[in-house]
Structure formats: structure tokens, C-alpha cells
Amino acid sequence: MLPETRALSSGRYAGAAVAIVALAAVLRFYKLGEWSMWVDEGMTYVRAATGNLSDQGPLYATAPLNFLVTRAIISAFQPSLFWLRFFPAVCGVLGVAAILWSGSRLAGPVAGLVAGLLLALSPWHIDWSQNARHFSAVFLFMVVAVTAFFLYWESGRIRWLLASGVASALGLLTHSSSLFVLVGMGMYAAILVLLRPYRTVIVTRQKLIATAAFFVILVGAYAPIALSVSQYLGAHKTAWNPPSNVAASILFYLGPLELVLAGLAGLLGAWRGRRGALLALQCLCWPVICVVVAASRTISSGAYALPALGGAVVLVGMFVSDLWTDERREVSLVLVAAVAAQLGLRTGLYFTTEQGNRPPWREAAHWVTASAASTDEIYATEGVVLGYYAGDLARGRWLDQWRPPAPGRRQWLLVLSGDADVGQAPLADFFRERCQIRQVFFRNSGPKRRDVVAYACE
């Protein structure tokens, strides 16, 4: 029994855990349907509503889980942004519960509560839990997969390996970025076998055979999918987000203070020969490394590394738990309060001045559809979002598919600030000579601030 277990009764732990999950639920459902839609959510809506998952080749056809669940939800209820984001929000709440379980199993109840609290307050996790995207579901499944894999190697109980396999399969069926977490799991097993100084568990023939079978089955089943996806990406999706930008994005959203504490926990684990160093490699380092490297080859973003946030908060929980066990409770409380305050401040900004990190497409689309005549053409940087708010997806013309208007026809352009399309031929000359600003929609501020500008072109 871990030392702090005796100091933290099961009743108090259960009460604190329930309070943390309740806090997570409030923060993930608060204003869930209020934020404007953006382009990726618009494509989720189209795929879920139509059932067509082949618009991006095998990319989403082979990872259909989020779209199928969302399709069932919006079919059962009146389609709205709330219901479109309902499944990611539920996965976000369950992700916090999974971290409470993971931290408690890996490092004791204090670590679990600290990890759960920090994740509940994390604006990065809240953001993706309020997005009609798949990343909060990937986070949930891969936290379960990693923890169960870890527990299998410590206990030798095959049920944990089976649980890890099921969770990994669900993650892969949700998004291919789950593969980056599997790399970390494979590296963890390899280090246990090959590097004796870091061997924190007993390595047996049974574990080696079962683990080999685990990866052979998973990789064998997923290899054809991975090959088809990689071929499609290589042919159609070139790298657009520089690795340095992806790395900076991950650092910003993880939070420098959390990363420092996670690093200290990993170093402390390495120094004491404990599990912290291996957990840091498995859950934090390898997923981030894989995402950054992938950005140099094809499409990738910081969101692909969201599961690494789980590793970071568990490592912080382990570090605080060590301080708590060493009777440095005042220091541990100050650290938790400092990190929670930082996260709380950033979360407060997310809900207020940053307006959910969404451009003001709803206001812009409603204004332009009210201002335009029935014969006017409307183009938008994010045409699918315009179509959603106009009540007719066919009316949402994409700016990168612009065509000159017929004689005597007026056009409207809704342009996201920084959009390069208006500076490229053939639109550039028309835009410069015939378009005037009619309205600018300012709404959010912060690291993802993007304004929408409405132009009338006579």
C-alpha cells in the first residue's frame, strides 16, 4: 500500500474525485453550443449528416468512430452545435475520470487527484472537448490504453493487455494520430527488456510473448490502413505546419510550468530508479516527438499530441505525491495551487475574451445573408460554415473556388484575416479593383485570434 493511501481515506478520495469530475463536466458543457462553428467542425457536420466519409480518401473512412457516433446523435436530436459537440464533451469528462483512475493506479490517490484536477482545469483539453472533432475521444482511449499496458507489465494479468488492445483499437478507429501513442508503448516495452538499469518490473517469457502478439495483431490489422492513409497523404496533403511551429504550439498549450514539473518528476523517477522516467518517455516524450517529426512530412498539428497532456499531468501528480509522502505537504499544496491558478486564469480567458478560440463566423454569416439579395453570390474562406449558418450547404461557396460574377451581379466575400486567397490570381485583381469593406467582425482575442471581414464587390 502506498504511504499516502493511509492518510487519504477512501471516502475522502471518492468525494474529491466526484467533485473533480463534476467540475470537468461543468467546464466542458458550459457554453458548449454558443461558440461559432469553424471549418473543421463544419466538415464533421457534413460527414456526419451525409454519412459520406470518403471525401478525404481513406483518411476518415478508416477512422469513422467519431462521425458515426455524431451521426447517431444528430439523427436522434435536433441538429445543433450543442449536439454536434456532445460526444467530444462527454469524452472530455470521461477523459478526466480516466486520468483520475490512471494517476491513482500508477502513483496513488494523491497523484490521481492532482492529475485529475489539472486536467479538469486545462484550457487545451477543454477546447478540444468543446470542438466537434475527435481529439478528446483519442485522449480518452489512449489514456486507458497506456495505463492498462503499464499495469499489464507490472502485474502480468492478461486482462490488462486485452483492455489496452481494445482501447488502442478504438483510438485507431477514431484518428490515426493514436499511432503516435502506440510508438511510446512499444518503446516502453523495449526499454524494459533491453536496458536493465531501468527495469522496474519482472520481465518474463510470458510477458514477452503476449506483448509481441499484442503488437503483431494491432500492427498487422492496422498496417494496410496506415499504408493507404500514408499514400493518400503523400499524394494530396503536403506539410504546411512547420515542425518548430507545432513544437511551440504544444509547449504553449501544455503550459511551461506543467512541463517543468513533469520533467522534474521524470528526472526524480530516473534518479530513484522509479517509474517516472519510463512514464515520461511513454506518455509525454514519444508522442510529442512523433507529432513534430510528422509535421515535416505531412499535415500535423499540436492537437495530435493531446494525449501527451495526460502524461504531463500524471507526472506532475507523481511529483506532488512524492512531496506529500516525504512530509513536504506545504510545498506540494503551494505547487498544486500555483499550477491550478495558472490553468484557471487561462481557462477564464478562454471563456471570456478568447471566446472559445473561434472566429466570429456566426455573426458574419447571419449579417451577410441578411444583407445580400437573393441573386447575389457569397463566397467565404470557410464555405461549409457559411452554408451551415445560411441553412443551405449548397449556398456555402469556398473562396478558393471563386469565379468572376456575371455582368450586373454583386458578390460578397467573407474573408478570414490572413487568408492568402485574396492575394492570388485570379481573385487578386478583382478584389483590389471592385471590393470594398462593408463590415469587420471582431470577437475573440488571444493566440488564435482571427477576424472576419465582409466585402461587397460591385
Protein backbone atom coordinates (compact mmCIF):
# COMPACT_ATOMS: atom_id res chain seq x y z
CA MET A 1 0.00 0.00 0.00
CA LEU A 2 1.33 3.44 -0.92
CA PRO A 3 2.14 5.60 2.13
CA GLU A 4 -0.29 8.36 1.31
CA THR A 5 -3.14 5.85 0.95
CA ARG A 6 -3.36 5.55 4.71
CA ALA A 7 -3.55 9.33 5.05
CA LEU A 8 -6.29 9.71 2.48
CA SER A 9 -9.38 7.66 3.30
CA SER A 10 -11.39 6.07 0.54
CA GLY A 11 -14.36 8.26 1.44
CA ARG A 12 -12.42 11.50 1.12
CA TYR A 13 -10.80 10.31 -2.09
CA ALA A 14 -14.16 9.36 -3.59
CA GLY A 15 -15.66 12.71 -2.60
CA ALA A 16 -12.75 14.65 -4.09
CA ALA A 17 -12.82 12.55 -7.27
CA VAL A 18 -16.56 13.13 -7.75
CA ALA A 19 -16.06 16.88 -7.23
CA ILE A 20 -13.28 16.96 -9.84
CA VAL A 21 -15.37 15.07 -12.40
CA ALA A 22 -18.30 17.41 -11.70
CA LEU A 23 -16.02 20.41 -12.23
CA ALA A 24 -14.82 18.88 -15.50
CA ALA A 25 -18.41 18.38 -16.64
CA VAL A 26 -19.38 21.97 -15.84
CA LEU A 27 -16.38 23.39 -17.71
CA ARG A 28 -16.86 21.15 -20.76
CA PHE A 29 -20.60 21.76 -21.14
CA TYR A 30 -20.55 25.46 -20.25
CA LYS A 31 -21.35 27.47 -23.40
CA LEU A 32 -20.98 24.28 -25.44
CA GLY A 33 -23.41 25.38 -28.13
CA GLU A 34 -22.55 29.10 -28.06
CA TRP A 35 -19.19 29.23 -29.84
CA SER A 36 -19.22 29.82 -33.58
CA MET A 37 -18.61 26.87 -35.84
CA TRP A 38 -15.28 26.73 -37.68
CA VAL A 39 -14.21 24.86 -40.79
CA ASP A 40 -13.17 21.52 -39.28
CA GLU A 41 -16.41 21.36 -37.30
CA GLY A 42 -18.27 22.18 -40.48
CA MET A 43 -16.68 19.20 -42.21
CA THR A 44 -17.57 17.00 -39.23
CA TYR A 45 -21.18 18.13 -39.63
CA VAL A 46 -21.19 17.38 -43.35
CA ARG A 47 -19.70 13.92 -42.90
CA ALA A 48 -21.99 13.07 -40.00
CA ALA A 49 -25.11 14.40 -41.72
CA THR A 50 -24.47 12.77 -45.11
CA GLY A 51 -22.63 9.65 -43.98
CA ASN A 52 -20.02 10.27 -46.68
CA LEU A 53 -16.61 9.69 -45.09
CA SER A 54 -14.67 9.29 -48.35
CA ASP A 55 -14.24 12.98 -49.22
CA GLN A 56 -10.65 12.74 -47.98
CA GLY A 57 -9.89 9.32 -49.41
CA PRO A 58 -9.14 6.76 -46.68
CA LEU A 59 -8.28 9.41 -44.08
CA TYR A 60 -11.65 9.40 -42.33
CA ALA A 61 -13.21 6.35 -43.93
CA THR A 62 -10.74 4.28 -41.92
CA ALA A 63 -11.33 6.29 -38.71
CA PRO A 64 -15.12 6.62 -38.63
CA LEU A 65 -15.96 6.31 -34.94
CA ASN A 66 -16.45 9.99 -34.10
CA PHE A 67 -18.52 10.63 -37.24
CA LEU A 68 -20.73 7.58 -36.75
CA VAL A 69 -21.48 8.42 -33.12
CA THR A 70 -22.14 12.07 -34.02
CA ARG A 71 -24.39 10.97 -36.87
CA ALA A 72 -26.46 8.89 -34.44
CA ILE A 73 -26.71 11.81 -32.01
CA ILE A 74 -27.79 14.46 -34.53
CA SER A 75 -30.23 11.97 -36.03
CA ALA A 76 -31.86 11.41 -32.64
CA PHE A 77 -31.96 15.08 -31.64
CA GLN A 78 -32.49 18.37 -33.42
CA PRO A 79 -29.18 19.14 -35.19
CA SER A 80 -27.39 21.95 -33.40
CA LEU A 81 -23.88 22.87 -32.34
CA PHE A 82 -24.61 21.55 -28.85
CA TRP A 83 -25.43 18.07 -30.13
CA LEU A 84 -22.67 18.21 -32.73
CA ARG A 85 -20.19 18.74 -29.87
CA PHE A 86 -21.93 16.46 -27.39
CA PHE A 87 -19.82 13.33 -27.96
CA PRO A 88 -16.46 15.19 -27.66
CA ALA A 89 -17.71 16.86 -24.46
CA VAL A 90 -18.72 13.52 -22.94
CA CYS A 91 -15.33 12.08 -23.93
CA GLY A 92 -13.69 15.08 -22.29
CA VAL A 93 -15.44 14.41 -18.98
CA LEU A 94 -14.63 10.70 -19.19
CA GLY A 95 -11.04 11.63 -20.02
CA VAL A 96 -10.75 13.42 -16.67
CA ALA A 97 -12.21 10.36 -14.94
CA ALA A 98 -9.70 8.18 -16.80
CA ILE A 99 -6.81 10.36 -15.61
CA LEU A 100 -8.06 10.12 -12.02
CA TRP A 101 -8.00 6.33 -12.39
CA SER A 102 -4.66 6.30 -14.20
CA GLY A 103 -2.86 8.51 -11.71
CA SER A 104 -4.27 6.58 -8.77
CA ARG A 105 -3.26 3.20 -10.21
CA LEU A 106 0.22 4.34 -11.21
CA ALA A 107 1.19 6.53 -8.27
CA GLY A 108 -1.51 6.56 -5.59
CA PRO A 109 -4.59 8.64 -4.75
CA VAL A 110 -2.78 11.95 -4.24
CA ALA A 111 -1.23 11.71 -7.71
CA GLY A 112 -4.59 10.78 -9.20
CA LEU A 113 -6.42 13.71 -7.63
CA VAL A 114 -3.74 16.20 -8.64
CA ALA A 115 -3.66 14.88 -12.22
CA GLY A 116 -7.45 14.93 -12.45
CA LEU A 117 -7.71 18.48 -11.10
CA LEU A 118 -5.09 19.84 -13.50
CA LEU A 119 -6.71 18.14 -16.48
CA ALA A 120 -10.17 19.35 -15.45
CA LEU A 121 -8.83 22.93 -15.50
CA SER A 122 -6.71 22.58 -18.66
CA PRO A 123 -7.90 25.04 -21.34
CA TRP A 124 -6.30 22.86 -24.03
CA HIS A 125 -8.36 19.84 -23.03
CA ILE A 126 -11.49 21.97 -22.56
CA ASP A 127 -11.02 23.48 -26.02
CA TRP A 128 -10.92 20.10 -27.76
CA SER A 129 -13.73 18.79 -25.57
CA GLN A 130 -15.87 21.64 -26.95
CA ASN A 131 -14.87 21.00 -30.57
CA ALA A 132 -16.83 18.74 -32.90
CA ARG A 133 -13.61 16.86 -33.57
CA HIS A 134 -12.12 13.56 -32.49
CA PHE A 135 -9.22 14.56 -30.25
CA SER A 136 -10.91 14.29 -26.84
CA ALA A 137 -12.02 10.75 -27.78
CA VAL A 138 -8.47 9.85 -28.83
CA PHE A 139 -7.24 11.22 -25.50
CA LEU A 140 -9.73 9.07 -23.57
CA PHE A 141 -8.98 5.84 -25.40
CA MET A 142 -5.21 6.24 -25.36
CA VAL A 143 -5.06 7.12 -21.64
CA VAL A 144 -6.84 3.83 -20.96
CA ALA A 145 -4.59 2.00 -23.43
CA VAL A 146 -1.34 3.34 -21.94
CA THR A 147 -2.38 2.77 -18.33
CA ALA A 148 -3.63 -0.76 -18.96
CA PHE A 149 -0.42 -1.58 -20.85
CA PHE A 150 1.62 -0.26 -17.94
CA LEU A 151 -0.44 -2.28 -15.45
CA TYR A 152 -0.03 -5.45 -17.52
CA TRP A 153 3.75 -5.21 -17.34
CA GLU A 154 3.59 -4.66 -13.60
CA SER A 155 1.04 -7.36 -12.76
CA GLY A 156 1.29 -9.87 -15.59
CA ARG A 157 -2.53 -10.05 -15.73
CA ILE A 158 -3.59 -10.65 -19.29
CA ARG A 159 -6.86 -8.76 -18.79
CA TRP A 160 -4.91 -5.51 -18.71
CA LEU A 161 -3.26 -6.28 -22.03
CA LEU A 162 -6.64 -7.12 -23.53
CA ALA A 163 -8.07 -3.85 -22.20
CA SER A 164 -5.13 -1.98 -23.70
CA GLY A 165 -5.71 -3.68 -27.04
CA VAL A 166 -9.40 -2.78 -27.13
CA ALA A 167 -8.72 0.84 -26.15
CA SER A 168 -5.90 1.10 -28.73
CA ALA A 169 -8.18 -0.25 -31.45
CA LEU A 170 -10.88 2.29 -30.53
CA GLY A 171 -8.25 5.04 -30.64
CA LEU A 172 -7.07 3.99 -34.10
CA LEU A 173 -10.68 3.85 -35.30
CA THR A 174 -11.08 7.43 -34.08
CA HIS A 175 -7.93 9.01 -35.54
CA SER A 176 -4.64 7.81 -36.94
CA SER A 177 -2.67 10.01 -34.51
CA SER A 178 -3.30 7.28 -31.91
CA LEU A 179 -0.41 5.50 -33.62
CA PHE A 180 2.00 8.01 -32.06
CA VAL A 181 0.99 6.84 -28.58
CA LEU A 182 1.47 3.21 -29.59
CA VAL A 183 5.06 4.08 -30.51
CA GLY A 184 5.60 5.20 -26.92
CA MET A 185 4.11 1.96 -25.61
CA GLY A 186 6.43 -0.06 -27.82
CA MET A 187 9.44 1.96 -26.67
CA TYR A 188 8.46 1.38 -23.05
CA ALA A 189 8.45 -2.39 -23.53
CA ALA A 190 11.73 -2.25 -25.45
CA ILE A 191 13.44 -0.26 -22.68
CA LEU A 192 12.25 -2.69 -20.03
CA VAL A 193 13.72 -5.60 -21.98
CA LEU A 194 16.94 -4.02 -23.25
CA LEU A 195 18.04 -1.58 -20.51
CA ARG A 196 18.45 -3.43 -17.24
CA PRO A 197 19.06 -0.28 -15.08
CA TYR A 198 15.54 0.89 -15.98
CA ARG A 199 13.91 -2.48 -15.41
CA THR A 200 11.23 -1.66 -12.84
CA VAL A 201 9.24 -4.86 -13.32
CA ILE A 202 9.97 -8.55 -13.75
CA VAL A 203 10.44 -9.46 -17.41
CA THR A 204 9.11 -12.94 -18.14
CA ARG A 205 8.79 -15.07 -21.25
CA GLN A 206 5.01 -14.90 -20.94
CA LYS A 207 5.04 -11.08 -20.97
CA LEU A 208 7.36 -11.01 -23.97
CA ILE A 209 5.22 -13.43 -25.97
CA ALA A 210 1.95 -11.69 -25.05
CA THR A 211 3.36 -8.25 -25.83
CA ALA A 212 4.76 -9.44 -29.15
CA ALA A 213 1.34 -10.89 -30.02
CA PHE A 214 -0.29 -7.60 -28.94
CA PHE A 215 1.77 -5.55 -31.39
CA VAL A 216 1.68 -8.12 -34.18
CA ILE A 217 -2.12 -8.23 -34.09
CA LEU A 218 -2.57 -4.46 -33.79
CA VAL A 219 0.10 -3.53 -36.32
CA GLY A 220 -0.87 -6.34 -38.66
CA ALA A 221 -4.51 -5.29 -38.66
CA TYR A 222 -3.72 -1.59 -38.98
CA ALA A 223 -0.81 -1.80 -41.44
CA PRO A 224 -2.98 -1.81 -44.61
CA ILE A 225 -4.89 1.18 -43.28
CA ALA A 226 -1.70 3.03 -42.34
CA LEU A 227 -0.25 2.32 -45.78
CA SER A 228 -3.32 3.60 -47.62
CA VAL A 229 -3.52 6.71 -45.42
CA SER A 230 0.19 7.49 -45.82
CA GLN A 231 -0.04 7.09 -49.61
CA TYR A 232 -3.04 9.39 -49.73
CA LEU A 233 -1.36 12.00 -47.53
CA GLY A 234 1.83 11.83 -49.58
CA ALA A 235 -0.12 12.43 -52.78
CA HIS A 236 -2.63 15.02 -51.56
CA LYS A 237 -1.53 16.58 -48.25
CA THR A 238 1.83 18.27 -48.16
CA ALA A 239 3.41 19.58 -44.97
CA TRP A 240 2.03 23.02 -44.14
CA ASN A 241 2.72 23.48 -40.43
CA PRO A 242 6.47 23.80 -39.72
CA PRO A 243 7.78 21.43 -37.02
CA SER A 244 9.03 24.42 -35.00
CA ASN A 245 5.52 25.89 -35.00
CA VAL A 246 3.98 22.55 -33.96
CA ALA A 247 6.50 22.20 -31.13
CA ALA A 248 5.84 25.77 -29.95
CA SER A 249 2.08 25.13 -30.07
CA ILE A 250 2.42 22.00 -27.93
CA LEU A 251 4.62 23.86 -25.43
CA PHE A 252 2.15 26.74 -25.22
CA TYR A 253 -0.94 24.61 -24.69
CA LEU A 254 0.65 22.10 -22.34
CA GLY A 255 1.87 25.02 -20.26
CA PRO A 256 5.54 25.62 -19.44
CA LEU A 257 5.02 25.23 -15.68
CA GLU A 258 3.31 21.86 -16.09
CA LEU A 259 6.09 20.68 -18.41
CA VAL A 260 8.78 21.75 -15.94
CA LEU A 261 7.09 19.85 -13.13
CA ALA A 262 6.57 16.84 -15.41
CA GLY A 263 10.26 16.93 -16.31
CA LEU A 264 11.24 17.11 -12.65
CA ALA A 265 9.03 14.12 -11.94
CA GLY A 266 10.69 12.20 -14.74
CA LEU A 267 14.18 13.09 -13.55
CA LEU A 268 13.27 12.24 -9.98
CA GLY A 269 11.96 8.90 -11.18
CA ALA A 270 15.18 8.21 -13.10
CA TRP A 271 17.31 9.17 -10.10
CA ARG A 272 15.38 6.93 -7.76
CA GLY A 273 15.03 4.11 -10.30
CA ARG A 274 11.28 4.50 -10.26
CA ARG A 275 8.63 4.55 -12.96
CA GLY A 276 8.59 8.29 -13.54
CA ALA A 277 11.30 8.27 -16.19
CA LEU A 278 9.66 5.47 -18.17
CA LEU A 279 6.25 7.09 -17.89
CA ALA A 280 7.73 10.38 -19.12
CA LEU A 281 9.11 8.60 -22.19
CA GLN A 282 5.99 6.55 -22.84
CA CYS A 283 3.27 9.16 -22.32
CA LEU A 284 4.96 12.50 -22.90
CA CYS A 285 8.16 12.43 -24.92
CA TRP A 286 7.48 9.91 -27.70
CA PRO A 287 4.03 11.20 -28.73
CA VAL A 288 5.36 14.76 -28.92
CA ILE A 289 8.45 13.69 -30.87
CA CYS A 290 6.34 11.71 -33.36
CA VAL A 291 3.94 14.62 -33.93
CA VAL A 292 6.76 17.11 -34.50
CA VAL A 293 8.56 14.76 -36.89
CA ALA A 294 5.32 14.06 -38.76
CA ALA A 295 4.89 17.80 -39.32
CA SER A 296 8.00 17.79 -41.51
CA ARG A 297 6.40 15.23 -43.86
CA THR A 298 2.66 15.82 -44.00
CA ILE A 299 -0.27 17.53 -42.23
CA SER A 300 0.15 17.65 -38.47
CA SER A 301 -0.82 19.94 -35.65
CA GLY A 302 -0.33 20.31 -31.92
CA ALA A 303 -3.74 18.69 -31.30
CA TYR A 304 -2.25 15.37 -32.43
CA ALA A 305 -0.16 15.44 -29.24
CA LEU A 306 -3.13 15.99 -26.91
CA PRO A 307 -2.65 12.54 -25.26
CA ALA A 308 0.75 13.77 -24.06
CA LEU A 309 -1.16 16.14 -21.78
CA GLY A 310 -2.32 13.07 -19.87
CA GLY A 311 1.28 12.02 -19.34
CA ALA A 312 2.23 15.51 -18.20
CA VAL A 313 -0.49 15.84 -15.55
CA VAL A 314 0.13 12.31 -14.21
CA LEU A 315 3.83 13.10 -13.89
CA VAL A 316 3.02 16.30 -12.03
CA GLY A 317 0.74 14.24 -9.78
CA MET A 318 3.60 11.80 -9.12
CA PHE A 319 5.92 14.66 -8.23
CA VAL A 320 3.39 16.18 -5.83
CA SER A 321 2.70 12.74 -4.36
CA ASP A 322 6.41 12.28 -3.64
CA LEU A 323 6.50 15.61 -1.81
CA TRP A 324 3.34 14.67 0.10
CA THR A 325 4.81 11.32 1.13
CA ASP A 326 8.06 12.99 2.23
CA GLU A 327 6.04 15.18 4.64
CA ARG A 328 6.53 18.29 2.48
CA ARG A 329 2.83 18.87 2.26
CA GLU A 330 3.00 22.65 2.39
CA VAL A 331 5.31 22.66 -0.63
CA SER A 332 3.05 20.24 -2.52
CA LEU A 333 -0.03 22.35 -1.79
CA VAL A 334 1.70 25.53 -2.97
CA LEU A 335 2.76 23.82 -6.22
CA VAL A 336 -0.74 22.49 -6.90
CA ALA A 337 -2.27 25.88 -6.11
CA ALA A 338 0.20 27.65 -8.45
CA VAL A 339 -0.43 25.34 -11.39
CA ALA A 340 -4.20 25.31 -10.79
CA ALA A 341 -4.25 29.12 -10.61
CA GLN A 342 -2.35 29.39 -13.88
CA LEU A 343 -4.68 26.95 -15.60
CA GLY A 344 -7.74 28.61 -14.06
CA LEU A 345 -6.65 32.00 -15.37
CA ARG A 346 -6.11 30.67 -18.87
CA THR A 347 -9.43 28.85 -18.77
CA GLY A 348 -11.15 32.05 -17.65
CA LEU A 349 -9.66 33.85 -20.66
CA TYR A 350 -10.82 31.02 -22.93
CA PHE A 351 -14.43 31.51 -21.82
CA THR A 352 -14.34 35.33 -21.90
CA THR A 353 -12.00 37.38 -24.06
CA GLU A 354 -10.89 34.49 -26.28
CA GLN A 355 -14.49 33.38 -26.91
CA GLY A 356 -13.64 29.72 -27.23
CA ASN A 357 -10.83 30.40 -29.74
CA ARG A 358 -13.36 30.61 -32.60
CA PRO A 359 -13.61 33.23 -35.35
CA PRO A 360 -16.96 35.08 -35.40
CA TRP A 361 -18.41 33.18 -38.34
CA ARG A 362 -21.95 33.05 -36.97
CA GLU A 363 -22.30 36.83 -36.76
CA ALA A 364 -20.63 37.32 -40.15
CA ALA A 365 -22.75 34.70 -41.90
CA HIS A 366 -26.02 35.98 -40.44
CA TRP A 367 -25.14 39.57 -41.38
CA VAL A 368 -24.18 38.82 -44.97
CA THR A 369 -27.16 36.55 -45.66
CA ALA A 370 -29.45 39.31 -44.36
CA SER A 371 -27.67 41.96 -46.43
CA ALA A 372 -27.35 40.05 -49.71
CA ALA A 373 -30.06 39.91 -52.34
CA SER A 374 -31.31 36.52 -53.47
CA THR A 375 -29.38 36.87 -56.75
CA ASP A 376 -26.09 37.81 -55.03
CA GLU A 377 -23.28 35.29 -54.75
CA ILE A 378 -21.50 34.80 -51.44
CA TYR A 379 -18.05 33.29 -51.06
CA ALA A 380 -16.28 32.58 -47.78
CA THR A 381 -12.90 31.38 -46.65
CA GLU A 382 -14.76 28.61 -44.82
CA GLY A 383 -17.58 27.92 -47.23
CA VAL A 384 -19.04 24.99 -45.30
CA VAL A 385 -19.56 27.21 -42.24
CA LEU A 386 -21.32 29.84 -44.36
CA GLY A 387 -23.59 27.11 -45.75
CA TYR A 388 -24.41 25.82 -42.27
CA TYR A 389 -25.46 29.24 -40.98
CA ALA A 390 -27.27 30.09 -44.23
CA GLY A 391 -29.37 26.96 -43.75
CA ASP A 392 -28.28 25.57 -47.11
CA LEU A 393 -24.91 23.88 -47.50
CA ALA A 394 -25.07 24.43 -51.26
CA ARG A 395 -25.04 28.18 -50.69
CA GLY A 396 -21.67 28.00 -48.97
CA ARG A 397 -19.20 28.72 -51.75
CA TRP A 398 -15.50 28.40 -50.93
CA LEU A 399 -13.29 31.40 -51.59
CA ASP A 400 -10.58 29.26 -53.15
CA GLN A 401 -13.16 28.20 -55.80
CA TRP A 402 -14.07 31.80 -56.72
CA ARG A 403 -15.38 32.57 -60.19
CA PRO A 404 -15.98 36.04 -61.72
CA PRO A 405 -19.58 37.24 -61.39
CA ALA A 406 -21.99 37.51 -64.28
CA PRO A 407 -22.48 41.07 -65.62
CA GLY A 408 -24.56 43.15 -63.23
CA ARG A 409 -24.27 40.62 -60.40
CA ARG A 410 -22.96 41.56 -56.99
CA GLN A 411 -20.72 39.33 -54.93
CA TRP A 412 -19.98 39.21 -51.22
CA LEU A 413 -16.72 37.86 -49.79
CA LEU A 414 -16.31 36.77 -46.18
CA VAL A 415 -12.58 36.65 -45.62
CA LEU A 416 -10.80 35.28 -42.59
CA SER A 417 -7.96 37.61 -41.61
CA GLY A 418 -4.68 36.40 -43.02
CA ASP A 419 -6.32 34.43 -45.86
CA ALA A 420 -3.92 34.32 -48.81
CA ASP A 421 -6.61 33.59 -51.42
CA VAL A 422 -7.47 37.27 -51.91
CA GLY A 423 -3.86 37.98 -52.87
CA GLN A 424 -3.63 35.28 -55.52
CA ALA A 425 -4.72 35.19 -59.14
CA PRO A 426 -7.36 35.27 -60.49
CA LEU A 427 -9.10 36.82 -57.48
CA ALA A 428 -6.39 39.38 -56.61
CA ASP A 429 -7.10 41.94 -59.38
CA PHE A 430 -10.88 41.68 -58.98
CA PHE A 431 -10.58 42.03 -55.22
CA ARG A 432 -8.35 45.10 -55.46
CA GLU A 433 -10.47 46.90 -58.06
CA ARG A 434 -14.05 46.08 -57.13
CA CYS A 435 -14.32 45.06 -53.48
CA GLN A 436 -14.88 47.33 -50.50
CA ILE A 437 -15.07 46.57 -46.80
CA ARG A 438 -18.63 46.70 -45.51
CA GLN A 439 -18.22 45.18 -42.06
CA VAL A 440 -15.48 43.79 -39.81
CA PHE A 441 -16.38 41.22 -37.19
CA PHE A 442 -14.09 41.30 -34.18
CA ARG A 443 -14.86 38.83 -31.48
CA ASN A 444 -12.11 36.79 -29.93
CA SER A 445 -8.63 37.70 -28.83
CA GLY A 446 -5.69 35.59 -27.79
CA PRO A 447 -3.33 33.20 -29.58
CA LYS A 448 -5.94 32.11 -32.15
CA ARG A 449 -7.47 35.50 -32.90
CA ARG A 450 -8.90 35.59 -36.42
CA ASP A 451 -11.28 38.34 -37.52
CA VAL A 452 -13.80 38.00 -40.35
CA VAL A 453 -14.05 40.82 -42.89
CA ALA A 454 -17.11 41.24 -45.14
CA TYR A 455 -16.51 42.74 -48.58
CA ALA A 456 -19.12 43.85 -51.12
CA CYS A 457 -17.93 43.58 -54.73
CA GLU A 458 -19.93 45.60 -57.27
